[in-house]
Amino acid sequence: KVEPYKSRKICYDVLLTKECIRVVITDEGPGFDTSTVPVKGDPDAMSQTSGRGLISIQAFMDKVELNQAGNQITMTKYCQSQKI
């Protein structure tokens, strides 16, 4: 393991209710440029060199949000009756 990566911490928060499951993951890294995230449903997104993980997350989650710094992701999956 190499610095600075081995000293960074990851924090998470999970909310489980009858309406939804929400997971928030934050890391101590500098983040990334969120304007480069492929758009959900873009047929060319999987051929890009980066962002494929986010495309996969978007395919399974109902709502995906990134903070402005690009070091936090909030993923929400609604129960069938609550789907938006």
Protein backbone atom coordinates (compact mmCIF):
# COMPACT_ATOMS: atom_id res chain seq x y z
CA LYS A 1 0.00 0.00 0.00
CA VAL A 2 1.21 3.45 -0.94
CA GLU A 3 0.67 6.90 0.54
CA PRO A 4 -1.53 8.90 0.36
CA TYR A 5 -4.02 6.14 -0.46
CA LYS A 6 -3.31 3.85 2.48
CA SER A 7 -4.07 6.62 5.01
CA ARG A 8 -7.34 7.79 3.48
CA LYS A 9 -10.59 6.91 5.15
CA ILE A 10 -13.93 6.07 3.62
CA CYS A 11 -17.12 6.99 5.47
CA TYR A 12 -20.54 5.59 4.74
CA ASP A 13 -24.08 6.16 5.90
CA VAL A 14 -26.93 3.75 5.23
CA LEU A 15 -30.65 4.43 5.60
CA LEU A 16 -33.06 1.50 5.38
CA THR A 17 -36.76 2.27 5.46
CA LYS A 18 -39.92 0.78 4.04
CA GLU A 19 -39.73 3.43 1.30
CA CYS A 20 -36.09 3.18 0.23
CA ILE A 21 -32.51 2.18 0.75
CA ARG A 22 -30.04 5.08 0.64
CA VAL A 23 -26.27 4.68 0.80
CA VAL A 24 -23.89 7.64 1.00
CA ILE A 25 -20.17 6.96 0.53
CA THR A 26 -17.55 9.67 1.02
CA ASP A 27 -13.78 9.38 0.71
CA GLU A 28 -10.99 11.73 1.79
CA GLY A 29 -9.51 11.96 -1.70
CA PRO A 30 -9.60 15.05 -3.91
CA GLY A 31 -12.55 13.72 -5.93
CA PHE A 32 -12.97 14.09 -9.67
CA ASP A 33 -14.57 16.37 -12.24
CA THR A 34 -18.24 15.40 -12.07
CA SER A 35 -18.97 17.18 -15.36
CA THR A 36 -17.26 14.27 -17.14
CA VAL A 37 -19.71 11.64 -15.83
CA PRO A 38 -21.44 9.87 -18.72
CA VAL A 39 -25.14 10.54 -19.08
CA LYS A 40 -27.47 7.71 -18.08
CA GLY A 41 -28.81 6.01 -21.19
CA ASP A 42 -25.98 7.20 -23.47
CA PRO A 43 -25.29 4.22 -25.76
CA ASP A 44 -21.63 5.26 -26.17
CA ALA A 45 -20.96 5.52 -22.41
CA MET A 46 -19.58 1.99 -22.00
CA SER A 47 -17.01 2.55 -24.74
CA GLN A 48 -15.45 5.49 -22.87
CA THR A 49 -12.22 4.92 -20.94
CA SER A 50 -13.67 6.06 -17.60
CA GLY A 51 -17.03 6.29 -15.87
CA ARG A 52 -18.21 2.75 -16.60
CA GLY A 53 -18.62 2.03 -12.89
CA LEU A 54 -20.96 4.99 -12.54
CA ILE A 55 -22.96 3.82 -15.55
CA SER A 56 -23.37 0.43 -13.89
CA ILE A 57 -24.48 2.06 -10.63
CA GLN A 58 -27.02 4.22 -12.52
CA ALA A 59 -28.41 1.09 -14.19
CA PHE A 60 -29.32 -0.49 -10.85
CA MET A 61 -30.17 2.52 -8.67
CA ASP A 62 -33.20 4.79 -9.00
CA LYS A 63 -31.28 7.94 -8.05
CA VAL A 64 -27.54 8.69 -8.07
CA GLU A 65 -26.08 11.99 -6.89
CA LEU A 66 -22.48 13.17 -6.73
CA ASN A 67 -21.31 16.09 -4.64
CA GLN A 68 -19.58 19.00 -6.36
CA ALA A 69 -16.12 17.89 -5.22
CA GLY A 70 -16.64 14.42 -6.69
CA ASN A 71 -15.67 12.56 -3.52
CA GLN A 72 -19.18 11.60 -2.36
CA ILE A 73 -21.87 9.50 -3.99
CA THR A 74 -25.44 9.08 -2.80
CA MET A 75 -27.28 6.06 -4.18
CA THR A 76 -30.99 5.55 -3.61
CA LYS A 77 -33.15 2.55 -4.47
CA TYR A 78 -36.88 3.03 -3.90
CA CYS A 79 -39.27 0.26 -2.93
CA GLN A 80 -41.54 -0.80 -5.77
CA SER A 81 -44.49 1.23 -4.51
CA GLN A 82 -42.35 4.36 -4.04
CA LYS A 83 -40.44 4.35 -7.34
CA ILE A 84 -40.07 7.81 -8.86
